[in-house]
């Protein structure tokens, strides 16, 4: 067991509820994933590839997705 593994609580027992909560909190929203797919398809249609990281910032929440 890794000391920094989020699957386990402080006593060393696996914490499934916390594991799911962390996984869901870290998940990129579907709309951001769809936006990235659209950008890649448009650039491909024009004969370009996306090179490097594209960063999105939600205007309402100011959360940054990379």
PDB file of N, CA and C in Angstrom:
ATOM      1  N   UNK A   1       0.846  -1.195   0.000  1.00  0.00           N
ATOM      2  CA  UNK A   1       0.000   0.000   0.000  1.00  0.00           C
ATOM      3  C   UNK A   1       0.881   1.244   0.000  1.00  0.00           C
ATOM      4  N   UNK A   2       0.610   2.123  -0.928  1.00  0.00           N
ATOM      5  CA  UNK A   2       1.330   3.393  -1.027  1.00  0.00           C
ATOM      6  C   UNK A   2       0.765   4.369  -0.006  1.00  0.00           C
ATOM      7  N   UNK A   3       1.634   5.065   0.681  1.00  0.00           N
ATOM      8  CA  UNK A   3       1.205   6.013   1.712  1.00  0.00           C
ATOM      9  C   UNK A   3       0.303   7.109   1.142  1.00  0.00           C
ATOM     10  N   UNK A   4       0.524   7.508  -0.113  1.00  0.00           N
ATOM     11  CA  UNK A   4      -0.252   8.583  -0.730  1.00  0.00           C
ATOM     12  C   UNK A   4      -1.427   8.074  -1.551  1.00  0.00           C
ATOM     13  N   UNK A   5      -1.721   6.781  -1.496  1.00  0.00           N
ATOM     14  CA  UNK A   5      -2.810   6.213  -2.270  1.00  0.00           C
ATOM     15  C   UNK A   5      -4.143   6.653  -1.675  1.00  0.00           C
ATOM     16  N   UNK A   6      -4.978   7.297  -2.485  1.00  0.00           N
ATOM     17  CA  UNK A   6      -6.249   7.837  -2.003  1.00  0.00           C
ATOM     18  C   UNK A   6      -7.325   6.766  -1.823  1.00  0.00           C
ATOM     19  N   UNK A   7      -7.020   5.526  -2.183  1.00  0.00           N
ATOM     20  CA  UNK A   7      -7.989   4.444  -2.025  1.00  0.00           C
ATOM     21  C   UNK A   7      -8.112   4.000  -0.570  1.00  0.00           C
ATOM     22  N   UNK A   8      -7.142   4.372   0.246  1.00  0.00           N
ATOM     23  CA  UNK A   8      -7.099   3.892   1.624  1.00  0.00           C
ATOM     24  C   UNK A   8      -7.219   5.047   2.612  1.00  0.00           C
ATOM     25  N   UNK A   9      -7.899   4.784   3.725  1.00  0.00           N
ATOM     26  CA  UNK A   9      -8.033   5.817   4.744  1.00  0.00           C
ATOM     27  C   UNK A   9      -6.815   5.780   5.680  1.00  0.00           C
ATOM     28  N   UNK A  10      -6.838   6.572   6.718  1.00  0.00           N
ATOM     29  CA  UNK A  10      -5.684   6.707   7.606  1.00  0.00           C
ATOM     30  C   UNK A  10      -5.337   5.412   8.331  1.00  0.00           C
ATOM     31  N   UNK A  11      -6.338   4.556   8.553  1.00  0.00           N
ATOM     32  CA  UNK A  11      -6.065   3.298   9.251  1.00  0.00           C
ATOM     33  C   UNK A  11      -5.612   2.192   8.308  1.00  0.00           C
ATOM     34  N   UNK A  12      -5.536   2.470   7.017  1.00  0.00           N
ATOM     35  CA  UNK A  12      -5.042   1.507   6.050  1.00  0.00           C
ATOM     36  C   UNK A  12      -6.121   0.672   5.389  1.00  0.00           C
ATOM     37  N   UNK A  13      -7.384   0.912   5.741  1.00  0.00           N
ATOM     38  CA  UNK A  13      -8.503   0.183   5.131  1.00  0.00           C
ATOM     39  C   UNK A  13      -8.939   0.892   3.855  1.00  0.00           C
ATOM     40  N   UNK A  14      -9.371   0.108   2.891  1.00  0.00           N
ATOM     41  CA  UNK A  14      -9.818   0.692   1.633  1.00  0.00           C
ATOM     42  C   UNK A  14     -11.128   1.438   1.858  1.00  0.00           C
ATOM     43  N   UNK A  15     -11.210   2.652   1.336  1.00  0.00           N
ATOM     44  CA  UNK A  15     -12.385   3.504   1.488  1.00  0.00           C
ATOM     45  C   UNK A  15     -13.002   3.720   0.113  1.00  0.00           C
ATOM     46  N   UNK A  16     -13.962   2.885  -0.262  1.00  0.00           N
ATOM     47  CA  UNK A  16     -14.561   2.899  -1.593  1.00  0.00           C
ATOM     48  C   UNK A  16     -15.346   4.186  -1.838  1.00  0.00           C
ATOM     49  N   UNK A  17     -16.042   4.683  -0.832  1.00  0.00           N
ATOM     50  CA  UNK A  17     -16.844   5.899  -0.987  1.00  0.00           C
ATOM     51  C   UNK A  17     -15.945   7.091  -1.293  1.00  0.00           C
ATOM     52  N   UNK A  18     -14.867   7.245  -0.555  1.00  0.00           N
ATOM     53  CA  UNK A  18     -13.936   8.357  -0.795  1.00  0.00           C
ATOM     54  C   UNK A  18     -13.259   8.196  -2.154  1.00  0.00           C
ATOM     55  N   UNK A  19     -12.939   6.954  -2.515  1.00  0.00           N
ATOM     56  CA  UNK A  19     -12.305   6.697  -3.809  1.00  0.00           C
ATOM     57  C   UNK A  19     -13.211   7.156  -4.964  1.00  0.00           C
ATOM     58  N   UNK A  20     -14.487   6.808  -4.887  1.00  0.00           N
ATOM     59  CA  UNK A  20     -15.444   7.233  -5.930  1.00  0.00           C
ATOM     60  C   UNK A  20     -15.609   8.745  -5.960  1.00  0.00           C
ATOM     61  N   UNK A  21     -15.681   9.360  -4.780  1.00  0.00           N
ATOM     62  CA  UNK A  21     -15.864  10.807  -4.710  1.00  0.00           C
ATOM     63  C   UNK A  21     -14.678  11.541  -5.330  1.00  0.00           C
ATOM     64  N   UNK A  22     -13.481  11.078  -5.046  1.00  0.00           N
ATOM     65  CA  UNK A  22     -12.277  11.713  -5.601  1.00  0.00           C
ATOM     66  C   UNK A  22     -12.229  11.513  -7.110  1.00  0.00           C
ATOM     67  N   UNK A  23     -12.571  10.311  -7.565  1.00  0.00           N
ATOM     68  CA  UNK A  23     -12.565  10.023  -8.990  1.00  0.00           C
ATOM     69  C   UNK A  23     -13.562  10.921  -9.733  1.00  0.00           C
ATOM     70  N   UNK A  24     -14.757  11.090  -9.169  1.00  0.00           N
ATOM     71  CA  UNK A  24     -15.769  11.942  -9.805  1.00  0.00           C
ATOM     72  C   UNK A  24     -15.383  13.413  -9.776  1.00  0.00           C
ATOM     73  N   UNK A  25     -14.723  13.850  -8.713  1.00  0.00           N
ATOM     74  CA  UNK A  25     -14.321  15.247  -8.610  1.00  0.00           C
ATOM     75  C   UNK A  25     -13.209  15.576  -9.597  1.00  0.00           C
ATOM     76  N   UNK A  26     -12.358  14.593  -9.894  1.00  0.00           N
ATOM     77  CA  UNK A  26     -11.240  14.812 -10.812  1.00  0.00           C
ATOM     78  C   UNK A  26     -11.626  14.652 -12.276  1.00  0.00           C
ATOM     79  N   UNK A  27     -12.816  14.173 -12.543  1.00  0.00           N
ATOM     80  CA  UNK A  27     -13.244  13.911 -13.907  1.00  0.00           C
ATOM     81  C   UNK A  27     -13.493  15.216 -14.666  1.00  0.00           C
ATOM     82  N   UNK A  28     -13.012  15.254 -15.906  1.00  0.00           N
ATOM     83  CA  UNK A  28     -13.254  16.408 -16.765  1.00  0.00           C
ATOM     84  C   UNK A  28     -14.712  16.379 -17.212  1.00  0.00           C
ATOM     85  N   UNK A  29     -15.412  17.503 -17.139  1.00  0.00           N
ATOM     86  CA  UNK A  29     -16.816  17.530 -17.555  1.00  0.00           C
ATOM     87  C   UNK A  29     -16.985  17.108 -19.017  1.00  0.00           C
ATOM     88  N   UNK A  30     -18.108  16.494 -19.303  1.00  0.00           N
ATOM     89  CA  UNK A  30     -18.406  15.999 -20.638  1.00  0.00           C
ATOM     90  C   UNK A  30     -18.351  17.116 -21.671  1.00  0.00           C
ATOM     91  N   UNK A  31     -18.825  18.296 -21.319  1.00  0.00           N
ATOM     92  CA  UNK A  31     -18.839  19.406 -22.284  1.00  0.00           C
ATOM     93  C   UNK A  31     -17.426  19.813 -22.695  1.00  0.00           C
ATOM     94  N   UNK A  32     -16.471  19.732 -21.769  1.00  0.00           N
ATOM     95  CA  UNK A  32     -15.085  20.073 -22.104  1.00  0.00           C
ATOM     96  C   UNK A  32     -14.494  19.006 -23.017  1.00  0.00           C
ATOM     97  N   UNK A  33     -14.793  17.742 -22.733  1.00  0.00           N
ATOM     98  CA  UNK A  33     -14.322  16.649 -23.588  1.00  0.00           C
ATOM     99  C   UNK A  33     -14.898  16.777 -24.991  1.00  0.00           C
ATOM    100  N   UNK A  34     -16.181  17.095 -25.087  1.00  0.00           N
ATOM    101  CA  UNK A  34     -16.819  17.276 -26.399  1.00  0.00           C
ATOM    102  C   UNK A  34     -16.228  18.468 -27.135  1.00  0.00           C
ATOM    103  N   UNK A  35     -15.955  19.544 -26.427  1.00  0.00           N
ATOM    104  CA  UNK A  35     -15.353  20.730 -27.036  1.00  0.00           C
ATOM    105  C   UNK A  35     -13.985  20.400 -27.615  1.00  0.00           C
ATOM    106  N   UNK A  36     -13.191  19.632 -26.880  1.00  0.00           N
ATOM    107  CA  UNK A  36     -11.878  19.232 -27.369  1.00  0.00           C
ATOM    108  C   UNK A  36     -12.011  18.379 -28.634  1.00  0.00           C
ATOM    109  N   UNK A  37     -12.974  17.465 -28.653  1.00  0.00           N
ATOM    110  CA  UNK A  37     -13.188  16.639 -29.842  1.00  0.00           C
ATOM    111  C   UNK A  37     -13.563  17.486 -31.050  1.00  0.00           C
ATOM    112  N   UNK A  38     -14.415  18.481 -30.851  1.00  0.00           N
ATOM    113  CA  UNK A  38     -14.831  19.364 -31.945  1.00  0.00           C
ATOM    114  C   UNK A  38     -13.634  20.149 -32.482  1.00  0.00           C
ATOM    115  N   UNK A  39     -12.812  20.669 -31.584  1.00  0.00           N
ATOM    116  CA  UNK A  39     -11.637  21.440 -32.008  1.00  0.00           C
ATOM    117  C   UNK A  39     -10.683  20.564 -32.805  1.00  0.00           C
ATOM    118  N   UNK A  40     -10.474  19.324 -32.367  1.00  0.00           N
ATOM    119  CA  UNK A  40      -9.587  18.411 -33.093  1.00  0.00           C
ATOM    120  C   UNK A  40     -10.157  18.072 -34.471  1.00  0.00           C
ATOM    121  N   UNK A  41     -11.473  17.871 -34.565  1.00  0.00           N
ATOM    122  CA  UNK A  41     -12.088  17.546 -35.853  1.00  0.00           C
ATOM    123  C   UNK A  41     -12.027  18.728 -36.817  1.00  0.00           C
ATOM    124  N   UNK A  42     -12.255  19.925 -36.308  1.00  0.00           N
ATOM    125  CA  UNK A  42     -12.197  21.121 -37.161  1.00  0.00           C
ATOM    126  C   UNK A  42     -10.772  21.339 -37.657  1.00  0.00           C
ATOM    127  N   UNK A  43      -9.800  21.214 -36.758  1.00  0.00           N
ATOM    128  CA  UNK A  43      -8.418  21.417 -37.194  1.00  0.00           C
ATOM    129  C   UNK A  43      -8.004  20.341 -38.195  1.00  0.00           C
ATOM    130  N   UNK A  44      -8.475  19.122 -38.016  1.00  0.00           N
ATOM    131  CA  UNK A  44      -8.185  18.052 -38.957  1.00  0.00           C
ATOM    132  C   UNK A  44      -8.806  18.303 -40.317  1.00  0.00           C
ATOM    133  N   UNK A  45     -10.012  18.858 -40.324  1.00  0.00           N
ATOM    134  CA  UNK A  45     -10.685  19.169 -41.589  1.00  0.00           C
ATOM    135  C   UNK A  45      -9.937  20.245 -42.374  1.00  0.00           C
ATOM    136  N   UNK A  46      -9.245  21.114 -41.675  1.00  0.00           N
ATOM    137  CA  UNK A  46      -8.457  22.164 -42.324  1.00  0.00           C
ATOM    138  C   UNK A  46      -7.013  21.731 -42.575  1.00  0.00           C
ATOM    139  N   UNK A  47      -6.692  20.474 -42.240  1.00  0.00           N
ATOM    140  CA  UNK A  47      -5.360  19.959 -42.509  1.00  0.00           C
ATOM    141  C   UNK A  47      -4.338  20.236 -41.422  1.00  0.00           C
ATOM    142  N   UNK A  48      -4.805  20.458 -40.214  1.00  0.00           N
ATOM    143  CA  UNK A  48      -3.908  20.743 -39.101  1.00  0.00           C
ATOM    144  C   UNK A  48      -4.111  19.723 -37.985  1.00  0.00           C
ATOM    145  N   UNK A  49      -3.078  19.553 -37.164  1.00  0.00           N
ATOM    146  CA  UNK A  49      -3.159  18.747 -35.958  1.00  0.00           C
ATOM    147  C   UNK A  49      -2.993  19.663 -34.757  1.00  0.00           C
ATOM    148  N   UNK A  50      -3.624  19.293 -33.661  1.00  0.00           N
ATOM    149  CA  UNK A  50      -3.440  20.034 -32.419  1.00  0.00           C
ATOM    150  C   UNK A  50      -2.149  19.542 -31.787  1.00  0.00           C
ATOM    151  N   UNK A  51      -1.214  20.444 -31.583  1.00  0.00           N
ATOM    152  CA  UNK A  51       0.077  20.118 -30.970  1.00  0.00           C
ATOM    153  C   UNK A  51       0.166  20.857 -29.644  1.00  0.00           C
ATOM    154  N   UNK A  52       0.262  20.133 -28.590  1.00  0.00           N
ATOM    155  CA  UNK A  52       0.385  20.777 -27.286  1.00  0.00           C
ATOM    156  C   UNK A  52      -0.946  20.818 -26.554  1.00  0.00           C
ATOM    157  N   UNK A  53      -0.910  21.480 -25.444  1.00  0.00           N
ATOM    158  CA  UNK A  53      -2.047  21.492 -24.533  1.00  0.00           C
ATOM    159  C   UNK A  53      -2.962  22.684 -24.826  1.00  0.00           C
ATOM    160  N   UNK A  54      -4.253  22.413 -24.809  1.00  0.00           N
ATOM    161  CA  UNK A  54      -5.253  23.472 -24.908  1.00  0.00           C
ATOM    162  C   UNK A  54      -5.881  23.616 -23.522  1.00  0.00           C
ATOM    163  N   UNK A  55      -5.992  24.822 -23.041  1.00  0.00           N
ATOM    164  CA  UNK A  55      -6.532  25.087 -21.718  1.00  0.00           C
ATOM    165  C   UNK A  55      -7.873  25.802 -21.852  1.00  0.00           C
ATOM    166  N   UNK A  56      -8.842  25.332 -21.066  1.00  0.00           N
ATOM    167  CA  UNK A  56     -10.163  25.957 -21.037  1.00  0.00           C
ATOM    168  C   UNK A  56     -10.421  26.483 -19.640  1.00  0.00           C
ATOM    169  N   UNK A  57     -11.044  27.671 -19.556  1.00  0.00           N
ATOM    170  CA  UNK A  57     -11.452  28.228 -18.267  1.00  0.00           C
ATOM    171  C   UNK A  57     -12.938  28.479 -18.307  1.00  0.00           C
ATOM    172  N   UNK A  58     -13.646  27.925 -17.345  1.00  0.00           N
ATOM    173  CA  UNK A  58     -15.082  28.143 -17.244  1.00  0.00           C
ATOM    174  C   UNK A  58     -15.309  29.582 -16.777  1.00  0.00           C
ATOM    175  N   UNK A  59     -16.025  30.360 -17.556  1.00  0.00           N
ATOM    176  CA  UNK A  59     -16.233  31.777 -17.226  1.00  0.00           C
ATOM    177  C   UNK A  59     -17.050  31.960 -15.952  1.00  0.00           C
ATOM    178  N   UNK A  60     -17.950  31.024 -15.684  1.00  0.00           N
ATOM    179  CA  UNK A  60     -18.813  31.141 -14.515  1.00  0.00           C
ATOM    180  C   UNK A  60     -18.098  30.736 -13.225  1.00  0.00           C
ATOM    181  N   UNK A  61     -17.352  29.627 -13.260  1.00  0.00           N
ATOM    182  CA  UNK A  61     -16.723  29.103 -12.048  1.00  0.00           C
ATOM    183  C   UNK A  61     -15.240  29.409 -11.934  1.00  0.00           C
ATOM    184  N   UNK A  62     -14.624  29.859 -13.033  1.00  0.00           N
ATOM    185  CA  UNK A  62     -13.179  30.117 -13.110  1.00  0.00           C
ATOM    186  C   UNK A  62     -12.333  28.852 -12.921  1.00  0.00           C
ATOM    187  N   UNK A  63     -12.925  27.676 -13.104  1.00  0.00           N
ATOM    188  CA  UNK A  63     -12.169  26.424 -13.033  1.00  0.00           C
ATOM    189  C   UNK A  63     -11.433  26.246 -14.355  1.00  0.00           C
ATOM    190  N   UNK A  64     -10.165  25.882 -14.270  1.00  0.00           N
ATOM    191  CA  UNK A  64      -9.338  25.692 -15.459  1.00  0.00           C
ATOM    192  C   UNK A  64      -9.196  24.204 -15.737  1.00  0.00           C
ATOM    193  N   UNK A  65      -9.438  23.829 -16.997  1.00  0.00           N
ATOM    194  CA  UNK A  65      -9.294  22.438 -17.435  1.00  0.00           C
ATOM    195  C   UNK A  65      -8.164  22.381 -18.437  1.00  0.00           C
ATOM    196  N   UNK A  66      -7.273  21.425 -18.242  1.00  0.00           N
ATOM    197  CA  UNK A  66      -6.114  21.262 -19.121  1.00  0.00           C
ATOM    198  C   UNK A  66      -6.135  19.906 -19.755  1.00  0.00           C
TER     199      UNK A  66
END
